[in-house]
């Protein structure tokens, strides 16, 4: 019969691995937290130019399968033409009704992917 070994130390390597995975998960989900919650008085600038300020483009898909670019009803072809005129780095916000067909959502996503848009946000409700 073997003599029992006394545990003089604890192996913390698995604990560190778990903590690193949790840290990555927290940092990944933290990017989805809404920005701009803290009120700040911003300083005023003397110049009136706003070259880098671009407003986001909103695309809506309702439960009837109708697609809206901003507030204008469009077809998929018209949507593609309108999206091809904006910058690839322009923020595009997609709001799809939960009762809409998944195919309508996928069709819009295919257009955005084909046009190589980099900034896409899909809006959901908490």
N, C-alpha and C. Protein backbone atom coordinates (compact mmCIF):
# COMPACT_ATOMS: atom_id res chain seq x y z
N UNK A 1 0.82 -1.18 0.00
CA UNK A 1 0.00 0.00 0.00
C UNK A 1 0.87 1.25 0.00
N UNK A 2 0.50 2.19 -0.90
CA UNK A 2 1.28 3.41 -1.04
C UNK A 2 0.96 4.38 0.09
N UNK A 3 1.95 5.08 0.52
CA UNK A 3 1.66 6.10 1.55
C UNK A 3 0.95 7.29 0.91
N UNK A 4 0.08 7.91 1.62
CA UNK A 4 -0.65 9.08 1.11
C UNK A 4 0.25 10.29 1.05
N UNK A 5 0.06 11.05 -0.04
CA UNK A 5 0.84 12.29 -0.18
C UNK A 5 0.08 13.44 0.45
N UNK A 6 0.77 14.23 1.12
CA UNK A 6 0.17 15.40 1.73
C UNK A 6 0.22 16.55 0.72
N UNK A 7 -0.89 17.28 0.57
CA UNK A 7 -0.94 18.41 -0.35
C UNK A 7 -0.33 19.63 0.32
N UNK A 8 0.86 19.98 -0.13
CA UNK A 8 1.54 21.15 0.41
C UNK A 8 1.23 22.42 -0.36
N UNK A 9 0.76 22.23 -1.60
CA UNK A 9 0.47 23.40 -2.42
C UNK A 9 -0.77 23.14 -3.28
N UNK A 10 -1.34 24.24 -3.78
CA UNK A 10 -2.53 24.15 -4.63
C UNK A 10 -2.11 24.51 -6.05
N UNK A 11 -2.57 23.74 -7.01
CA UNK A 11 -2.28 24.03 -8.40
C UNK A 11 -3.26 25.10 -8.87
N UNK A 12 -2.77 26.31 -9.15
CA UNK A 12 -3.63 27.43 -9.52
C UNK A 12 -3.72 27.64 -11.03
N UNK A 13 -3.03 26.86 -11.80
CA UNK A 13 -3.04 27.02 -13.25
C UNK A 13 -4.46 26.88 -13.83
N UNK A 14 -5.25 25.85 -13.46
CA UNK A 14 -6.62 25.79 -13.99
C UNK A 14 -7.48 27.00 -13.58
N UNK A 15 -7.26 27.49 -12.37
CA UNK A 15 -7.99 28.66 -11.90
C UNK A 15 -7.65 29.88 -12.74
N UNK A 16 -6.38 30.06 -13.07
CA UNK A 16 -5.96 31.18 -13.90
C UNK A 16 -6.56 31.06 -15.30
N UNK A 17 -6.60 29.86 -15.85
CA UNK A 17 -7.21 29.65 -17.17
C UNK A 17 -8.69 30.05 -17.17
N UNK A 18 -9.40 29.65 -16.15
CA UNK A 18 -10.83 29.99 -16.05
C UNK A 18 -11.00 31.49 -15.91
N UNK A 19 -10.18 32.14 -15.11
CA UNK A 19 -10.29 33.57 -14.91
C UNK A 19 -9.99 34.33 -16.22
N UNK A 20 -9.02 33.85 -17.00
CA UNK A 20 -8.73 34.51 -18.27
C UNK A 20 -9.89 34.37 -19.26
N UNK A 21 -10.52 33.22 -19.28
CA UNK A 21 -11.69 33.04 -20.15
C UNK A 21 -12.82 33.97 -19.71
N UNK A 22 -13.06 34.07 -18.42
CA UNK A 22 -14.09 34.98 -17.92
C UNK A 22 -13.76 36.43 -18.24
N UNK A 23 -12.49 36.79 -18.14
CA UNK A 23 -12.07 38.15 -18.47
C UNK A 23 -12.33 38.46 -19.94
N UNK A 24 -12.01 37.53 -20.83
CA UNK A 24 -12.27 37.73 -22.25
C UNK A 24 -13.76 37.88 -22.51
N UNK A 25 -14.59 37.08 -21.85
CA UNK A 25 -16.04 37.18 -22.03
C UNK A 25 -16.55 38.54 -21.55
N UNK A 26 -16.07 39.01 -20.42
CA UNK A 26 -16.52 40.31 -19.89
C UNK A 26 -16.09 41.43 -20.83
N UNK A 27 -14.85 41.40 -21.30
CA UNK A 27 -14.38 42.45 -22.19
C UNK A 27 -15.12 42.43 -23.53
N UNK A 28 -15.46 41.26 -24.00
CA UNK A 28 -16.19 41.16 -25.26
C UNK A 28 -17.60 41.71 -25.12
N UNK A 29 -18.29 41.36 -24.06
CA UNK A 29 -19.66 41.85 -23.88
C UNK A 29 -19.70 43.31 -23.45
N UNK A 30 -18.62 43.81 -22.89
CA UNK A 30 -18.60 45.21 -22.46
C UNK A 30 -18.65 46.16 -23.64
N UNK A 31 -18.25 45.70 -24.82
CA UNK A 31 -18.31 46.59 -25.99
C UNK A 31 -19.73 46.83 -26.45
N UNK A 32 -20.69 46.00 -26.00
CA UNK A 32 -22.07 46.16 -26.39
C UNK A 32 -22.85 47.08 -25.44
N UNK A 33 -22.21 47.51 -24.37
CA UNK A 33 -22.87 48.39 -23.41
C UNK A 33 -23.05 49.76 -24.06
N UNK A 34 -24.20 50.35 -23.84
CA UNK A 34 -24.51 51.64 -24.47
C UNK A 34 -23.53 52.71 -24.00
N UNK A 35 -23.02 53.46 -24.95
CA UNK A 35 -22.06 54.52 -24.68
C UNK A 35 -22.79 55.83 -24.39
N UNK A 36 -22.12 56.73 -23.73
CA UNK A 36 -22.65 58.08 -23.55
C UNK A 36 -23.61 58.22 -22.39
N UNK A 37 -23.51 57.39 -21.38
CA UNK A 37 -24.42 57.47 -20.25
C UNK A 37 -23.99 58.58 -19.29
N UNK A 38 -22.70 58.84 -19.19
CA UNK A 38 -22.19 59.85 -18.26
C UNK A 38 -22.32 61.23 -18.88
N UNK A 39 -23.04 62.15 -18.21
CA UNK A 39 -23.20 63.50 -18.78
C UNK A 39 -21.90 64.29 -18.68
N UNK A 40 -21.51 64.91 -19.78
CA UNK A 40 -20.27 65.68 -19.83
C UNK A 40 -20.56 66.98 -20.57
N UNK A 41 -20.08 68.10 -20.04
CA UNK A 41 -20.16 69.37 -20.74
C UNK A 41 -18.98 69.47 -21.67
N UNK A 42 -19.24 69.41 -22.97
CA UNK A 42 -18.17 69.44 -23.96
C UNK A 42 -17.75 70.86 -24.26
N UNK A 43 -16.48 71.08 -24.53
CA UNK A 43 -16.03 72.43 -24.88
C UNK A 43 -16.51 72.81 -26.28
N UNK A 44 -16.60 74.11 -26.51
CA UNK A 44 -17.04 74.60 -27.81
C UNK A 44 -15.84 74.87 -28.70
N UNK A 45 -16.01 74.57 -29.99
CA UNK A 45 -14.95 74.83 -30.96
C UNK A 45 -15.27 76.09 -31.73
N UNK A 46 -14.23 76.76 -32.22
CA UNK A 46 -14.42 78.00 -32.98
C UNK A 46 -14.86 77.72 -34.41
N UNK A 47 -14.39 76.62 -35.00
CA UNK A 47 -14.76 76.32 -36.38
C UNK A 47 -16.06 75.55 -36.42
N UNK A 48 -16.77 75.70 -37.51
CA UNK A 48 -18.07 75.07 -37.65
C UNK A 48 -18.01 73.80 -38.51
N UNK A 49 -16.83 73.43 -39.05
CA UNK A 49 -16.73 72.27 -39.93
C UNK A 49 -16.86 70.98 -39.14
N UNK A 50 -17.61 70.07 -39.70
CA UNK A 50 -17.79 68.75 -39.10
C UNK A 50 -17.57 67.71 -40.19
N UNK A 51 -16.32 67.52 -40.57
CA UNK A 51 -16.01 66.61 -41.68
C UNK A 51 -16.20 65.15 -41.29
N UNK A 52 -15.80 64.78 -40.09
CA UNK A 52 -15.82 63.37 -39.71
C UNK A 52 -17.16 62.91 -39.14
N UNK A 53 -18.04 63.84 -38.85
CA UNK A 53 -19.32 63.48 -38.23
C UNK A 53 -20.28 62.98 -39.30
N UNK A 54 -20.60 61.70 -39.22
CA UNK A 54 -21.53 61.11 -40.17
C UNK A 54 -22.70 60.53 -39.39
N UNK A 55 -23.88 60.79 -39.87
CA UNK A 55 -25.03 60.25 -39.18
C UNK A 55 -25.24 58.81 -39.62
N UNK A 56 -25.80 58.04 -38.75
CA UNK A 56 -26.02 56.63 -39.08
C UNK A 56 -27.20 56.47 -40.03
N UNK A 57 -27.14 55.42 -40.82
CA UNK A 57 -28.20 55.10 -41.77
C UNK A 57 -29.06 54.01 -41.16
N UNK A 58 -30.37 54.21 -41.16
CA UNK A 58 -31.28 53.24 -40.55
C UNK A 58 -32.02 52.46 -41.64
N UNK A 59 -32.05 51.15 -41.46
CA UNK A 59 -32.81 50.27 -42.35
C UNK A 59 -33.82 49.53 -41.49
N UNK A 60 -35.06 49.50 -41.92
CA UNK A 60 -36.13 48.85 -41.18
C UNK A 60 -36.74 47.73 -42.02
N UNK A 61 -37.04 46.61 -41.38
CA UNK A 61 -37.78 45.52 -42.03
C UNK A 61 -38.99 45.26 -41.12
N UNK A 62 -40.20 45.50 -41.64
CA UNK A 62 -41.37 45.30 -40.78
C UNK A 62 -41.94 43.89 -40.94
N UNK A 63 -43.00 43.62 -40.21
CA UNK A 63 -43.58 42.27 -40.20
C UNK A 63 -44.23 41.89 -41.53
N UNK A 64 -44.54 42.88 -42.37
CA UNK A 64 -45.15 42.61 -43.67
C UNK A 64 -44.10 42.34 -44.75
N UNK A 65 -42.82 42.43 -44.38
CA UNK A 65 -41.75 42.21 -45.34
C UNK A 65 -41.36 43.46 -46.10
N UNK A 66 -41.87 44.61 -45.67
CA UNK A 66 -41.54 45.87 -46.33
C UNK A 66 -40.20 46.38 -45.78
N UNK A 67 -39.38 46.92 -46.67
CA UNK A 67 -38.06 47.41 -46.29
C UNK A 67 -38.05 48.92 -46.44
N UNK A 68 -37.52 49.60 -45.43
CA UNK A 68 -37.44 51.05 -45.43
C UNK A 68 -35.99 51.48 -45.27
N UNK A 69 -35.57 52.39 -46.13
CA UNK A 69 -34.26 53.04 -46.01
C UNK A 69 -34.55 54.40 -45.42
N UNK A 70 -34.05 54.63 -44.19
CA UNK A 70 -34.47 55.78 -43.40
C UNK A 70 -35.99 55.67 -43.23
N UNK A 71 -36.77 56.56 -43.80
CA UNK A 71 -38.22 56.45 -43.66
C UNK A 71 -38.91 56.26 -45.00
N UNK A 72 -38.13 55.88 -46.01
CA UNK A 72 -38.65 55.71 -47.36
C UNK A 72 -38.74 54.23 -47.69
N UNK A 73 -39.91 53.79 -48.14
CA UNK A 73 -40.09 52.39 -48.52
C UNK A 73 -39.33 52.12 -49.80
N UNK A 74 -38.54 51.03 -49.81
CA UNK A 74 -37.72 50.69 -50.98
C UNK A 74 -37.81 49.20 -51.27
N UNK A 75 -37.42 48.84 -52.49
CA UNK A 75 -37.27 47.43 -52.84
C UNK A 75 -35.82 47.04 -52.54
N UNK A 76 -35.51 45.75 -52.67
CA UNK A 76 -34.14 45.30 -52.42
C UNK A 76 -33.16 45.93 -53.41
N UNK A 77 -33.57 46.08 -54.67
CA UNK A 77 -32.70 46.70 -55.68
C UNK A 77 -32.44 48.17 -55.35
N UNK A 78 -33.49 48.89 -54.96
CA UNK A 78 -33.33 50.29 -54.59
C UNK A 78 -32.46 50.44 -53.35
N UNK A 79 -32.63 49.50 -52.40
CA UNK A 79 -31.81 49.53 -51.19
C UNK A 79 -30.34 49.35 -51.54
N UNK A 80 -30.06 48.42 -52.44
CA UNK A 80 -28.67 48.19 -52.83
C UNK A 80 -28.08 49.42 -53.51
N UNK A 81 -28.86 50.08 -54.35
CA UNK A 81 -28.37 51.30 -55.01
C UNK A 81 -28.08 52.40 -54.00
N UNK A 82 -28.98 52.56 -53.02
CA UNK A 82 -28.78 53.60 -52.01
C UNK A 82 -27.57 53.28 -51.13
N UNK A 83 -27.42 52.02 -50.74
CA UNK A 83 -26.29 51.65 -49.89
C UNK A 83 -24.96 51.71 -50.63
N UNK A 84 -24.98 51.55 -51.94
CA UNK A 84 -23.74 51.62 -52.70
C UNK A 84 -23.22 53.05 -52.81
N UNK A 85 -24.08 54.04 -52.54
CA UNK A 85 -23.65 55.44 -52.62
C UNK A 85 -23.03 55.95 -51.33
N UNK A 86 -23.20 55.23 -50.23
CA UNK A 86 -22.63 55.70 -48.96
C UNK A 86 -21.28 55.04 -48.72
N UNK A 87 -20.54 55.61 -47.79
CA UNK A 87 -19.20 55.12 -47.47
C UNK A 87 -19.27 53.73 -46.83
N UNK A 88 -18.25 52.93 -47.06
CA UNK A 88 -18.20 51.57 -46.48
C UNK A 88 -18.03 51.62 -44.97
N UNK A 89 -17.52 52.73 -44.45
CA UNK A 89 -17.34 52.87 -43.00
C UNK A 89 -18.52 53.56 -42.33
N UNK A 90 -19.51 53.95 -43.11
CA UNK A 90 -20.72 54.57 -42.56
C UNK A 90 -21.46 53.57 -41.67
N UNK A 91 -21.94 54.01 -40.53
CA UNK A 91 -22.67 53.14 -39.62
C UNK A 91 -24.06 52.85 -40.18
N UNK A 92 -24.40 51.56 -40.26
CA UNK A 92 -25.71 51.12 -40.73
C UNK A 92 -26.40 50.41 -39.58
N UNK A 93 -27.61 50.86 -39.25
CA UNK A 93 -28.37 50.27 -38.16
C UNK A 93 -29.56 49.53 -38.76
N UNK A 94 -29.65 48.24 -38.45
CA UNK A 94 -30.72 47.40 -39.00
C UNK A 94 -31.71 47.07 -37.88
N UNK A 95 -32.96 47.43 -38.11
CA UNK A 95 -34.03 47.12 -37.16
C UNK A 95 -35.03 46.24 -37.88
N UNK A 96 -35.14 45.00 -37.43
CA UNK A 96 -36.03 44.04 -38.07
C UNK A 96 -37.09 43.61 -37.06
N UNK A 97 -38.34 43.65 -37.48
CA UNK A 97 -39.45 43.23 -36.63
C UNK A 97 -39.30 41.75 -36.29
N UNK A 98 -39.63 41.39 -35.06
CA UNK A 98 -39.47 39.99 -34.66
C UNK A 98 -40.46 39.08 -35.39
N UNK A 99 -41.52 39.65 -35.94
CA UNK A 99 -42.49 38.87 -36.69
C UNK A 99 -42.18 38.82 -38.19
N UNK A 100 -41.11 39.52 -38.60
CA UNK A 100 -40.77 39.51 -40.03
C UNK A 100 -40.16 38.18 -40.42
N UNK A 101 -40.21 37.91 -41.72
CA UNK A 101 -39.62 36.67 -42.21
C UNK A 101 -38.10 36.76 -42.10
N UNK A 102 -37.49 35.67 -41.75
CA UNK A 102 -36.04 35.64 -41.63
C UNK A 102 -35.38 35.89 -42.99
N UNK A 103 -36.04 35.48 -44.06
CA UNK A 103 -35.48 35.67 -45.40
C UNK A 103 -35.31 37.15 -45.72
N UNK A 104 -36.24 38.01 -45.27
CA UNK A 104 -36.11 39.44 -45.50
C UNK A 104 -34.86 39.99 -44.81
N UNK A 105 -34.64 39.55 -43.59
CA UNK A 105 -33.45 39.95 -42.83
C UNK A 105 -32.19 39.49 -43.56
N UNK A 106 -32.17 38.24 -44.00
CA UNK A 106 -31.00 37.68 -44.68
C UNK A 106 -30.74 38.41 -46.00
N UNK A 107 -31.79 38.79 -46.71
CA UNK A 107 -31.62 39.52 -47.98
C UNK A 107 -30.93 40.86 -47.75
N UNK A 108 -31.31 41.56 -46.71
CA UNK A 108 -30.66 42.84 -46.39
C UNK A 108 -29.21 42.60 -45.97
N UNK A 109 -28.98 41.57 -45.17
CA UNK A 109 -27.62 41.25 -44.74
C UNK A 109 -26.73 40.89 -45.93
N UNK A 110 -27.28 40.17 -46.92
CA UNK A 110 -26.52 39.81 -48.12
C UNK A 110 -26.09 41.05 -48.89
N UNK A 111 -26.98 42.03 -48.98
CA UNK A 111 -26.63 43.27 -49.68
C UNK A 111 -25.50 43.98 -48.95
N UNK A 112 -25.60 44.08 -47.63
CA UNK A 112 -24.56 44.74 -46.84
C UNK A 112 -23.22 44.00 -46.96
N UNK A 113 -23.28 42.70 -46.97
CA UNK A 113 -22.06 41.90 -47.10
C UNK A 113 -21.45 42.06 -48.49
N UNK A 114 -22.29 42.05 -49.51
CA UNK A 114 -21.82 42.19 -50.89
C UNK A 114 -21.16 43.55 -51.10
N UNK A 115 -21.68 44.58 -50.42
CA UNK A 115 -21.12 45.93 -50.56
C UNK A 115 -19.97 46.20 -49.58
N UNK A 116 -19.62 45.19 -48.78
CA UNK A 116 -18.49 45.26 -47.83
C UNK A 116 -18.64 46.36 -46.79
N UNK A 117 -19.82 46.53 -46.25
CA UNK A 117 -20.01 47.52 -45.19
C UNK A 117 -19.40 47.00 -43.90
N UNK A 118 -18.65 47.88 -43.22
CA UNK A 118 -17.89 47.48 -42.05
C UNK A 118 -18.62 47.75 -40.74
N UNK A 119 -19.46 48.77 -40.68
CA UNK A 119 -20.11 49.18 -39.43
C UNK A 119 -21.59 48.83 -39.49
N UNK A 120 -21.95 47.68 -38.94
CA UNK A 120 -23.35 47.25 -38.94
C UNK A 120 -23.78 46.98 -37.51
N UNK A 121 -24.91 47.54 -37.14
CA UNK A 121 -25.51 47.28 -35.84
C UNK A 121 -26.91 46.73 -36.03
N UNK A 122 -27.22 45.69 -35.30
CA UNK A 122 -28.56 45.11 -35.34
C UNK A 122 -29.22 45.44 -34.01
N UNK A 123 -30.31 46.15 -34.05
CA UNK A 123 -30.97 46.64 -32.85
C UNK A 123 -31.95 45.60 -32.33
N UNK A 124 -31.86 45.32 -31.04
CA UNK A 124 -32.80 44.42 -30.37
C UNK A 124 -33.38 45.13 -29.16
N UNK A 125 -34.39 44.55 -28.58
CA UNK A 125 -35.02 45.11 -27.40
C UNK A 125 -34.63 44.26 -26.20
N UNK A 126 -34.32 44.90 -25.07
CA UNK A 126 -33.94 44.17 -23.84
C UNK A 126 -35.10 43.40 -23.28
